[in-house]
Protein backbone atom coordinates (compact mmCIF):
# COMPACT_ATOMS: atom_id res chain seq x y z
CA MET A 1 121.72 100.92 115.74
CA GLY A 2 121.41 103.01 118.88
CA THR A 3 118.21 104.44 120.31
CA ARG A 4 116.81 107.37 118.40
CA GLY A 5 115.40 110.09 120.68
CA THR A 6 112.29 112.16 120.24
CA ARG A 7 112.47 114.11 117.02
CA ALA A 8 112.21 117.85 116.99
CA ARG A 9 109.16 117.74 114.79
CA LEU A 10 107.21 115.96 117.55
CA ALA A 11 107.76 118.71 120.09
CA LEU A 12 104.70 120.75 119.14
CA GLY A 13 102.52 117.65 119.03
CA MET A 14 103.57 116.67 122.55
CA THR A 15 102.89 120.21 123.80
CA VAL A 16 99.38 120.01 122.41
CA CYS A 17 98.99 116.59 124.01
CA ALA A 18 99.97 117.93 127.43
CA THR A 19 97.44 120.76 127.32
CA LEU A 20 94.53 118.69 126.03
CA VAL A 21 94.95 115.38 127.84
CA ALA A 22 92.89 116.37 130.86
CA THR A 23 89.76 116.64 128.74
CA MET A 24 90.47 113.92 126.19
CA LEU A 25 88.31 110.81 125.97
CA ALA A 26 89.68 107.50 124.72
CA THR A 27 89.06 107.20 120.97
CA THR A 28 90.29 104.95 118.22
CA ALA A 29 93.13 106.41 116.16
CA PRO A 30 93.58 105.65 112.44
CA GLY A 31 96.79 103.77 113.11
CA GLY A 32 95.10 101.27 115.38
CA ALA A 33 95.79 102.87 118.77
CA ALA A 34 93.48 104.17 121.47
CA ALA A 35 94.31 107.54 123.01
CA ALA A 36 96.26 107.08 126.24
CA ASP A 37 95.10 108.82 129.40
CA ASP A 38 96.33 109.06 133.01
CA ARG A 39 99.70 110.42 131.87
CA PRO A 40 102.37 111.27 134.45
CA ALA A 41 104.13 114.62 134.28
CA GLU A 42 107.60 113.06 133.90
CA ARG A 43 108.17 110.36 131.25
CA GLY A 44 110.83 109.01 128.96
CA ILE A 45 113.53 108.16 131.52
CA GLY A 46 113.78 104.49 130.53
CA SER A 47 115.73 102.96 127.67
CA LEU A 48 114.56 101.08 124.57
CA LEU A 49 116.42 99.08 121.94
CA VAL A 50 114.59 97.52 118.97
CA THR A 51 116.30 94.90 116.82
CA PRO A 52 116.84 94.64 113.95
CA GLY A 53 117.26 98.39 113.96
CA SER A 54 116.27 99.40 110.43
CA LEU A 55 116.25 96.57 107.87
CA PHE A 56 112.79 94.99 108.15
CA ILE A 57 109.41 94.92 106.44
CA ALA A 58 105.96 95.27 107.98
CA GLY A 59 104.91 92.17 109.91
CA GLN A 60 108.41 90.90 110.63
CA GLN A 61 109.02 90.03 114.26
CA LEU A 62 111.00 92.66 116.17
CA THR A 63 112.55 92.39 119.62
CA PHE A 64 111.88 95.20 122.12
CA GLU A 65 114.36 95.27 124.99
CA GLY A 66 115.12 97.83 127.70
CA ASP A 67 113.94 99.11 131.06
CA LEU A 68 111.46 101.63 132.42
CA GLY A 69 114.04 103.43 134.53
CA VAL A 70 112.16 102.46 137.69
CA SER A 71 112.22 99.19 139.62
CA GLY A 72 109.31 96.91 140.45
CA VAL A 73 107.09 94.55 138.46
CA ARG A 74 104.76 96.66 136.35
CA THR A 75 102.27 96.02 133.57
CA ILE A 76 103.57 97.62 130.41
CA HIS A 77 101.99 98.52 127.10
CA LEU A 78 103.11 99.98 123.79
CA GLU A 79 102.33 103.54 122.78
CA GLN A 80 102.67 105.01 119.30
CA HIS A 81 102.84 108.47 117.76
CA MET A 82 102.07 109.11 114.08
CA GLY A 83 104.57 111.96 113.90
CA ARG A 84 102.22 114.72 112.74
CA ILE A 85 101.73 118.07 114.46
CA GLY A 86 98.76 117.84 116.77
CA ASP A 87 98.86 114.03 117.08
CA THR A 88 99.04 112.47 120.54
CA TRP A 89 100.57 109.33 121.95
CA GLY A 90 98.10 106.45 121.76
CA VAL A 91 98.00 103.00 123.33
CA VAL A 92 98.52 100.15 120.86
CA GLU A 93 95.55 97.85 121.28
CA GLY A 94 95.89 94.19 122.17
CA PHE A 95 99.33 94.14 123.79
CA LYS A 96 100.35 93.88 127.46
CA ALA A 97 103.37 92.43 129.24
CA LYS A 98 105.17 92.76 132.58
CA THR A 99 108.59 93.97 133.60
CA LYS A 100 111.01 92.04 135.72
CA PRO A 101 111.54 93.22 139.32
CA ASP A 102 114.42 95.47 138.21
CA GLY A 103 112.17 97.21 135.68
CA SER A 104 113.64 95.55 132.60
CA PHE A 105 111.67 93.88 129.81
CA LYS A 106 112.14 91.90 126.63
CA PHE A 107 109.38 90.89 124.21
CA THR A 108 108.64 90.51 120.51
CA TYR A 109 106.06 92.38 118.44
CA PRO A 110 105.33 92.74 114.69
CA ALA A 111 106.92 95.63 112.83
CA PRO A 112 104.50 98.45 111.93
CA SER A 113 104.04 99.33 108.27
CA MET A 114 103.80 103.13 108.43
CA PHE A 115 106.82 105.29 107.66
CA ASP A 116 108.20 107.46 110.49
CA ILE A 117 105.88 106.08 113.15
CA THR A 118 107.32 106.29 116.69
CA MET A 119 106.77 103.86 119.57
CA ARG A 120 107.73 103.61 123.22
CA VAL A 121 107.11 101.20 126.09
CA ALA A 122 105.11 102.67 128.96
CA ALA A 123 103.45 101.92 132.27
CA LYS A 124 101.60 104.08 134.73
CA GLY A 125 104.13 106.59 135.92
CA ALA A 126 107.01 105.76 133.57
CA SER A 127 108.03 105.24 129.96
CA THR A 128 111.08 104.60 127.83
CA SER A 129 112.65 106.86 125.28
CA ASP A 130 110.98 106.55 121.88
CA TRP A 131 112.04 104.61 118.79
CA THR A 132 111.21 105.64 115.23
CA PHE A 133 110.34 102.94 112.70
CA ASP A 134 110.81 103.11 108.94
CA ALA A 135 109.75 99.79 107.49
CA LYS A 136 111.04 98.87 104.08
CA SER A 137 108.28 98.29 101.56
CA GLN A 138 107.71 94.99 99.85
CA ASP A 139 108.13 95.07 96.10
CA LEU A 140 109.35 92.89 93.25
CA THR A 141 110.39 93.54 89.65
CA LEU A 142 110.16 91.21 86.65
CA SER A 143 112.39 91.16 83.59
CA THR A 144 113.33 88.90 80.71
CA PRO A 145 116.77 88.87 79.03
CA LYS A 146 116.88 90.50 75.60
CA LEU A 147 117.25 87.92 72.85
CA PRO A 148 119.36 88.51 69.70
CA GLY A 149 117.31 89.92 66.85
CA LEU A 150 114.29 90.69 69.06
CA ASP A 151 113.14 93.86 70.79
CA PRO A 152 113.12 94.14 74.62
CA ASN A 153 110.43 91.94 76.22
CA GLU A 154 110.02 89.88 73.06
CA VAL A 155 110.33 86.08 73.26
CA LEU A 156 110.04 83.25 70.76
CA MET A 157 106.89 81.17 70.33
CA GLY A 158 107.30 77.59 71.58
CA VAL A 159 110.71 78.25 73.16
CA PRO A 160 111.19 78.44 76.97
CA PHE A 161 112.17 81.94 78.07
CA SER A 162 113.33 83.36 81.41
CA ILE A 163 111.31 85.60 83.70
CA LEU A 164 113.71 86.92 86.33
CA VAL A 165 112.32 88.05 89.69
CA ASP A 166 114.00 90.50 92.07
CA THR A 167 112.29 90.85 95.47
CA THR A 168 114.91 93.33 96.76
CA PRO A 169 114.90 95.95 94.00
CA THR A 170 116.45 99.40 94.13
CA LEU A 171 114.24 101.81 92.17
CA VAL A 172 114.48 105.50 91.34
CA GLY A 173 112.30 107.62 93.60
CA ARG A 174 111.75 104.83 96.13
CA PRO A 175 113.75 105.51 99.32
CA ASP A 176 111.60 102.86 101.04
CA LEU A 177 113.45 100.18 99.01
CA PRO A 178 115.17 97.75 98.94
CA PRO A 179 113.61 95.40 101.48
CA PRO A 180 115.68 92.64 103.12
CA PRO A 181 115.81 89.28 101.31
CA LEU A 182 113.72 86.40 102.64
CA PRO A 183 115.48 83.29 101.26
CA GLY A 184 113.11 80.40 100.64
CA ARG A 185 109.99 82.54 100.20
CA VAL A 186 107.57 80.96 97.73
CA LEU A 187 107.06 82.76 94.41
CA THR A 188 104.01 82.08 92.22
CA LEU A 189 104.00 82.91 88.51
CA GLN A 190 100.51 83.78 87.25
CA ARG A 191 99.22 84.47 83.73
CA ARG A 192 96.39 86.91 83.06
CA LEU A 193 93.35 85.32 81.39
CA ASP A 194 90.91 87.08 79.07
CA ASP A 195 88.43 87.63 81.89
CA ASN A 196 91.17 89.31 83.98
CA SER A 197 91.53 86.44 86.42
CA TRP A 198 95.01 85.07 87.08
CA GLN A 199 95.97 81.48 86.33
CA THR A 200 98.87 79.91 88.23
CA VAL A 201 101.60 78.74 85.86
CA ALA A 202 104.43 77.67 88.18
CA THR A 203 105.97 78.13 91.63
CA SER A 204 109.52 78.68 92.77
CA VAL A 205 111.40 80.02 95.80
CA THR A 206 113.78 82.91 96.38
CA GLY A 207 117.52 82.40 96.74
CA LEU A 208 119.90 83.87 99.31
CA LEU A 209 119.72 87.34 97.73
CA GLY A 210 115.95 87.31 97.26
CA ASN A 211 116.02 86.48 93.54
CA GLY A 212 113.99 83.90 91.63
CA ALA A 213 113.34 82.75 88.06
CA PHE A 214 110.79 80.96 85.89
CA LEU A 215 110.99 79.28 82.44
CA PRO A 216 107.52 79.45 80.86
CA THR A 217 106.68 78.54 77.26
CA VAL A 218 103.91 80.07 75.13
CA ALA A 219 102.57 78.17 72.13
CA ASP A 220 100.84 81.01 70.24
CA PRO A 221 102.00 84.46 69.09
CA GLY A 222 100.69 87.67 70.64
CA TYR A 223 100.90 89.48 73.95
CA VAL A 224 100.91 87.61 77.27
CA THR A 225 100.75 89.31 80.66
CA TYR A 226 102.20 87.79 83.82
CA ARG A 227 102.59 88.71 87.44
CA VAL A 228 104.47 87.11 90.33
CA ARG A 229 103.21 86.86 93.90
CA GLN A 230 105.61 86.47 96.76
CA GLU A 231 103.46 84.41 99.09
CA ASP A 232 102.72 84.62 102.83
CA TRP A 233 105.85 84.44 104.98
CA ASN A 234 105.18 83.10 108.49
CA LEU A 235 108.53 81.62 109.51
CA THR A 236 110.58 82.60 112.60
CA GLY A 237 107.64 84.48 114.12
CA ASP A 238 107.10 86.75 111.10
CA LYS A 239 103.58 87.48 109.84
CA VAL A 240 104.06 88.94 106.37
CA GLY A 241 101.23 88.75 103.84
CA TRP A 242 101.55 87.99 100.13
CA TYR A 243 102.47 90.76 97.72
CA PRO A 244 102.04 91.03 93.92
CA SER A 245 104.25 92.48 91.22
CA PHE A 246 102.98 94.92 88.63
CA PRO A 247 101.69 93.20 85.48
CA PHE A 248 104.53 92.28 83.11
CA THR A 249 103.77 91.87 79.39
CA VAL A 250 105.87 90.02 76.82
CA ARG A 251 105.30 89.76 73.07
CA VAL A 252 105.51 86.20 71.79
CA VAL A 253 107.02 86.20 68.29
CA ASP A 254 106.40 83.62 65.57
CA PRO A 255 109.84 83.37 63.87
CA LEU A 256 108.21 82.42 60.55
CA ASN A 257 105.82 85.39 60.66
CA PRO A 258 107.24 88.07 63.01
CA ASN A 259 104.29 90.46 62.60
CA ARG A 260 101.63 87.90 63.44
CA GLY A 261 99.79 88.94 66.60
CA ARG A 262 101.44 92.37 66.75
CA LEU A 263 99.26 95.27 67.87
CA THR A 264 99.01 98.32 65.64
CA PRO A 265 100.87 101.44 66.87
CA ASP A 266 97.58 103.10 67.83
CA SER A 267 96.51 100.22 70.05
CA ALA A 268 99.86 99.19 71.54
CA PRO A 269 100.20 99.94 75.27
CA SER A 270 102.94 101.96 76.98
CA ARG A 271 103.41 104.67 74.36
CA PRO A 272 105.79 107.44 75.58
CA VAL A 273 104.46 110.90 76.35
CA ASP A 274 106.11 114.08 77.67
CA ARG A 275 104.79 115.09 81.07
CA ASP A 276 105.57 117.18 84.14
CA GLY A 277 105.53 116.18 87.81
CA GLU A 278 103.25 117.40 90.56
CA ALA A 279 103.63 117.93 94.28
CA PRO A 280 102.56 115.12 96.64
CA THR A 281 99.53 115.32 98.90
CA THR A 282 99.16 115.64 102.67
CA ARG A 283 96.66 114.24 105.14
CA GLY A 284 93.68 115.81 106.84
CA GLY A 285 89.90 115.73 107.35
CA GLN A 286 87.10 115.00 109.84
CA THR A 287 84.92 111.88 109.71
CA ALA A 288 81.17 111.41 109.52
CA ALA A 289 81.42 108.51 111.99
CA LYS A 290 82.87 110.69 114.72
CA ILE A 291 80.60 113.68 114.14
CA ASN A 292 77.42 111.61 113.97
CA LYS A 293 78.39 109.10 116.67
CA TRP A 294 78.14 105.92 114.65
CA GLY A 295 79.86 103.99 117.44
CA VAL A 296 82.13 100.97 117.10
CA SER A 297 82.65 99.86 113.51
CA LEU A 298 81.60 96.44 112.25
CA TRP A 299 84.89 96.13 110.39
CA ASP A 300 87.98 98.29 110.07
CA PHE A 301 90.86 97.69 107.67
CA ALA A 302 93.80 99.62 109.14
CA TRP A 303 96.80 98.19 107.14
CA THR A 304 98.94 98.65 110.23
CA TYR A 305 101.25 95.62 110.16
CA GLY A 306 101.92 92.79 107.70
CA GLU A 307 98.48 92.38 106.11
CA SER A 308 97.86 91.29 102.54
CA LEU A 309 94.77 91.96 100.42
CA THR A 310 93.15 88.76 101.69
CA SER A 311 93.72 89.51 105.39
CA LYS A 312 90.69 90.05 107.60
CA PRO A 313 89.93 93.48 109.09
CA ALA A 314 92.18 94.55 111.94
CA ARG A 315 89.31 95.54 114.22
CA GLY A 316 85.54 95.53 114.51
CA THR A 317 82.62 93.48 115.78
CA ASP A 318 82.24 91.62 112.45
CA ARG A 319 85.80 90.96 111.33
CA ASN A 320 85.06 89.36 107.99
CA GLY A 321 85.97 90.30 104.46
CA TRP A 322 88.96 90.61 102.16
CA TRP A 323 89.91 92.59 99.05
CA LEU A 324 89.80 91.28 95.49
CA ASP A 325 92.21 93.02 93.11
CA TYR A 326 91.46 93.68 89.44
CA SER A 327 93.71 95.04 86.71
CA ASP A 328 93.13 94.97 82.96
CA GLY A 329 96.15 97.18 82.25
CA ALA A 330 99.43 98.15 83.91
CA GLY A 331 98.11 98.87 87.43
CA ARG A 332 98.48 97.07 90.74
CA VAL A 333 96.65 96.91 94.08
CA SER A 334 98.97 96.50 97.07
CA LYS A 335 99.84 97.95 100.46
CA LEU A 336 102.13 100.97 100.83
CA ASN A 337 103.07 102.89 103.97
CA GLY A 338 100.15 101.58 105.99
CA GLN A 339 97.64 102.24 103.21
CA LEU A 340 95.71 100.38 100.56
CA ALA A 341 97.39 101.56 97.36
CA ILE A 342 96.01 101.45 93.82
CA ASP A 343 98.85 102.39 91.48
CA SER A 344 98.45 102.96 87.74
CA GLY A 345 101.90 101.63 86.78
CA ARG A 346 105.49 100.99 87.73
CA ASN A 347 107.10 104.28 86.63
CA PHE A 348 106.36 107.55 88.40
CA LYS A 349 107.06 109.40 85.13
CA GLY A 350 107.00 108.30 81.52
CA ALA A 351 105.05 105.73 79.57
CA GLY A 352 103.32 102.69 81.01
CA ASP A 353 100.06 103.80 82.65
CA PHE A 354 96.89 102.41 81.08
CA GLY A 355 93.80 100.40 81.91
CA THR A 356 91.59 100.20 84.99
CA THR A 357 92.68 98.92 88.41
CA ARG A 358 90.27 98.12 91.25
CA ALA A 359 89.99 96.79 94.79
CA THR A 360 86.62 95.32 95.80
CA LEU A 361 85.65 94.25 99.32
CA ARG A 362 84.34 90.68 99.38
CA GLU A 363 82.31 88.63 101.88
CA ASN A 364 81.05 91.41 104.14
CA PRO A 365 78.22 93.18 102.29
CA ALA A 366 75.21 95.02 103.71
CA THR A 367 71.89 96.01 102.19
CA TYR A 368 71.69 99.02 104.51
CA GLY A 369 74.42 100.63 106.57
CA ARG A 370 77.29 103.11 106.58
CA TRP A 371 80.67 103.07 104.92
CA GLU A 372 83.61 105.48 105.23
CA THR A 373 87.15 105.56 103.93
CA ALA A 374 90.14 107.88 103.75
CA PHE A 375 90.60 108.86 100.11
CA ARG A 376 93.74 110.42 98.73
CA ILE A 377 94.97 111.03 95.16
CA LYS A 378 98.56 111.58 94.06
CA ARG A 379 99.08 112.56 90.44
CA PHE A 380 102.73 112.54 89.38
CA GLU A 381 102.41 113.77 85.79
CA ALA A 382 100.49 116.04 83.45
CA GLY A 383 100.16 116.02 79.68
CA ALA A 384 98.23 112.79 79.08
CA GLY A 385 94.74 111.74 80.15
CA ASP A 386 93.71 111.88 83.80
CA TYR A 387 92.47 108.84 85.65
CA HIS A 388 89.15 108.96 87.46
CA ALA A 389 89.52 107.96 91.10
CA VAL A 390 86.20 106.36 92.05
CA LEU A 391 84.70 105.16 95.32
CA GLU A 392 81.47 103.19 94.88
CA LEU A 393 79.02 100.90 96.54
CA VAL A 394 78.29 98.04 94.14
CA PRO A 395 76.16 94.89 94.47
CA GLU A 396 78.23 92.05 95.90
CA LYS A 397 76.40 89.39 93.90
CA ALA A 398 77.11 89.27 90.18
CA SER A 399 73.43 88.49 89.54
CA ASP A 400 72.45 91.83 91.14
CA TYR A 401 75.02 93.92 89.28
CA ARG A 402 73.21 94.42 85.93
CA CYS A 403 76.06 96.35 84.27
CA GLY A 404 76.32 98.84 87.13
CA THR A 405 72.71 99.96 87.17
CA ARG A 406 72.48 99.69 90.98
CA ASN A 407 75.84 101.33 91.71
CA ILE A 408 76.02 104.21 94.16
CA THR A 409 78.83 106.64 93.35
CA VAL A 410 80.21 107.86 96.66
CA ALA A 411 82.85 109.92 94.84
CA ASP A 412 84.12 110.19 91.28
CA VAL A 413 87.09 112.56 91.11
CA ASP A 414 89.11 113.50 88.04
CA ALA A 415 92.69 113.13 89.30
CA GLY A 416 93.56 116.59 87.95
CA GLY A 417 90.27 118.30 88.75
CA LYS A 418 88.60 120.19 91.56
CA THR A 419 85.13 118.60 91.60
CA LEU A 420 83.52 115.45 92.96
CA ASP A 421 80.60 113.65 91.34
CA ILE A 422 78.09 111.70 93.41
CA GLY A 423 75.02 109.78 92.36
CA VAL A 424 72.97 106.60 92.06
CA ARG A 425 71.38 104.66 89.18
CA THR A 426 68.44 102.28 88.99
CA PRO A 427 67.79 99.37 86.61
CA GLN A 428 64.72 101.29 85.36
CA GLY A 429 66.90 103.90 83.63
CA LEU A 430 66.65 106.65 86.26
CA GLN A 431 69.61 108.39 87.87
CA TRP A 432 70.25 111.12 90.41
CA THR A 433 73.56 112.99 90.18
CA ALA A 434 75.33 116.05 91.58
CA THR A 435 78.73 117.72 91.33
CA ARG A 436 80.40 119.31 94.32
CA PRO A 437 83.67 121.27 94.67
CA ILE A 438 86.56 119.50 96.36
CA ASP A 439 90.30 120.05 96.69
CA ILE A 440 91.49 116.48 96.99
CA GLY A 441 94.79 117.06 95.18
CA THR A 442 96.48 118.63 98.22
CA ARG A 443 95.13 116.52 101.08
CA SER A 444 93.17 113.40 101.92
CA ALA A 445 89.42 113.40 102.46
CA ALA A 446 87.11 111.19 104.51
CA LEU A 447 84.36 110.05 102.15
CA ALA A 448 81.26 108.40 103.62
CA LEU A 449 77.82 107.18 102.66
CA GLU A 450 74.74 106.32 104.73
CA LEU A 451 72.28 103.97 103.03
CA GLY A 452 68.92 103.61 104.71
CA LYS A 453 65.64 102.05 103.67
CA ARG A 454 64.32 105.41 102.45
CA HIS A 455 67.38 107.63 102.00
CA ILE A 456 70.96 107.91 100.76
CA THR A 457 73.27 110.54 102.25
CA TRP A 458 76.77 111.51 101.08
CA PHE A 459 79.48 113.02 103.34
CA VAL A 460 82.87 114.63 102.77
CA ASP A 461 85.01 115.19 105.89
CA GLY A 462 81.94 114.67 108.03
CA LYS A 463 79.81 117.28 106.23
CA VAL A 464 76.72 116.36 104.24
CA VAL A 465 77.20 117.11 100.53
CA GLY A 466 74.04 115.46 99.24
CA ALA A 467 70.91 113.60 100.33
CA LEU A 468 68.24 111.70 98.43
CA ARG A 469 64.91 110.49 99.81
CA VAL A 470 63.53 108.40 96.95
CA ARG A 471 62.63 104.76 97.58
CA ALA A 472 63.12 103.84 93.93
CA ALA A 473 66.80 104.81 94.24
CA ILE A 474 67.53 102.34 97.06
CA PRO A 475 69.31 99.26 95.59
CA LYS A 476 67.70 96.85 98.13
CA VAL A 477 70.46 94.26 97.53
CA PRO A 478 73.67 93.50 99.49
CA MET A 479 76.25 96.19 98.64
CA THR A 480 80.02 96.38 99.05
CA LEU A 481 82.83 98.92 98.66
CA ARG A 482 84.90 99.28 95.50
CA LEU A 483 87.83 101.66 94.91
CA SER A 484 89.04 102.19 91.34
CA LEU A 485 91.45 104.07 89.12
CA VAL A 486 89.47 104.13 85.88
CA GLY A 487 91.46 104.64 82.70
CA ASP A 488 90.56 104.79 79.02
CA GLY A 489 91.36 101.35 77.64
CA ASP A 490 94.90 101.21 76.26
CA GLU A 491 95.25 105.00 76.17
CA GLU A 492 98.31 106.34 78.00
CA MET A 493 97.34 108.17 81.22
CA ASN A 494 99.06 110.35 83.82
CA HIS A 495 100.71 108.23 86.51
CA THR A 496 98.38 108.27 89.54
CA GLN A 497 98.03 106.63 92.93
CA LEU A 498 94.79 106.21 94.84
CA LEU A 499 95.63 105.75 98.52
CA SER A 500 93.30 104.84 101.37
CA ASP A 501 94.55 104.82 104.98
CA TRP A 502 91.55 102.86 106.23
CA GLU A 503 88.14 101.49 105.21
CA ARG A 504 85.32 100.99 107.73
CA GLY A 505 81.71 99.88 107.90
CA TRP A 506 78.87 100.43 110.40
CA SER A 507 75.29 99.38 110.89
CA LEU A 508 72.48 101.94 111.28
CA ASP A 509 71.96 100.99 114.92
CA ARG A 510 73.92 103.84 116.54
CA GLY A 511 73.79 107.60 116.09
CA LYS A 512 71.30 109.76 114.24
CA GLN A 513 70.45 108.98 110.64
CA ILE A 514 70.95 112.03 108.44
CA THR A 515 68.26 112.41 105.78
CA LYS A 516 68.54 116.08 104.81
CA GLY A 517 71.08 117.71 102.55
CA ALA A 518 71.65 119.35 99.19
CA PRO A 519 69.47 117.70 96.53
CA LEU A 520 70.61 115.67 93.53
CA LYS A 521 69.33 116.16 89.98
CA LYS A 522 67.06 113.53 88.46
CA SER A 523 67.51 112.41 84.84
CA SER A 524 67.31 109.34 82.65
CA TYR A 525 70.02 107.22 81.03
CA ASP A 526 70.29 104.17 78.79
CA ALA A 527 70.16 101.19 81.17
CA THR A 528 70.91 98.59 78.49
CA CYS A 529 74.30 96.94 78.24
């Protein structure tokens, strides 16, 4: 495909950039770029061609080729633009190369994951035209052929049955699909255990068209839930992380007693319900870190390229940690459009949304510190129950958890509501809670918490919404972030996504600690479990 020029929608953003650049300091942008300074008045005279032009997924190796439009050996860098009004061009961290004497260049770089992000190659005094990227999302669907005399997704006890895997699906409402096939990519079939962990059953590989298949056998009647992971893909220079399917449930039928193991209608999952759609959300919001000068983060998950849930943070001075996914229903934790995505089910509308789905940060806890994340809710239906979108600090060690009695609720938002609950509990049966107004259904919010030795402070978009100075409320154990869509068991819920552009952590070493704010209400609760 030919070079795509600067889009009309970027014009206002570039005008703002030109008027503000003289006073702008270099800062870190959410997409992983630092603001570029020392900009020449005339830019964009060079050429840029990126191959493959459009059919790629985040983390695949792309080739950048072109020239700056000026001769001479120059050090070049990549710049990116997020495509929103008011955004500026920013330097992509960690990349430098040189042109040939005639001003030409050719190099490879991983594909970005965000939709509609624009890049260009630049040097002091010159740049190329820009190129807009629209990565295809990873996804995979599971199915089993319908057997004579059985309902869909029913299989026979003790008889091998097929689970068909499509890693290049075309789905309604998903213009970001299908992705290109990656023949030979390893597929892992996993079965959900009672404690919600996943047990590997078998492995396979994709064919030329990106399809795969498994032939499991189940010895007992009842319901069995599977998922398939397409594993890390690091061939031919690509750096693509693993990606899970949504949970897929089959009913195993005993032919001599067809009703054995069947759930009653009131407890069966995926009951249909009539619902209406809602408008999507947009981005926005200030951050507590910037306003209060928390400095460089210890860790920063940016989801910019081909990361998986077990990838380390993209930036920071303590780049440790990974995300553990949990689902006891139909939900999935994955990456979507440069964000951590917690999705309640496969279908945007209709039945199939139940259970609780979570993402928990592992192996980078802190007893005291600061945490902040972008938090965004998209509810696609109305008419059933609403999920609670919850951001918490929880003890990292299971022995410290005590049924949630040390949890700090950074935000608990009813997906269809206009309020945010905050609070903290102690193992002694005391709790402090508060409810604040918030309009999180039309935009994203930056939610933050500062945990000191004598205080806890809550922030929304950089503003303090609550503060507590009670030593008994401080957990005093290593804490970690957890994001959840909390459902109501097997009850059908409104399809919802919880999206987080980034998640970051800081120590208390930089900036001023904030200890004053609106108070929380003290009460008691039953701490037994």
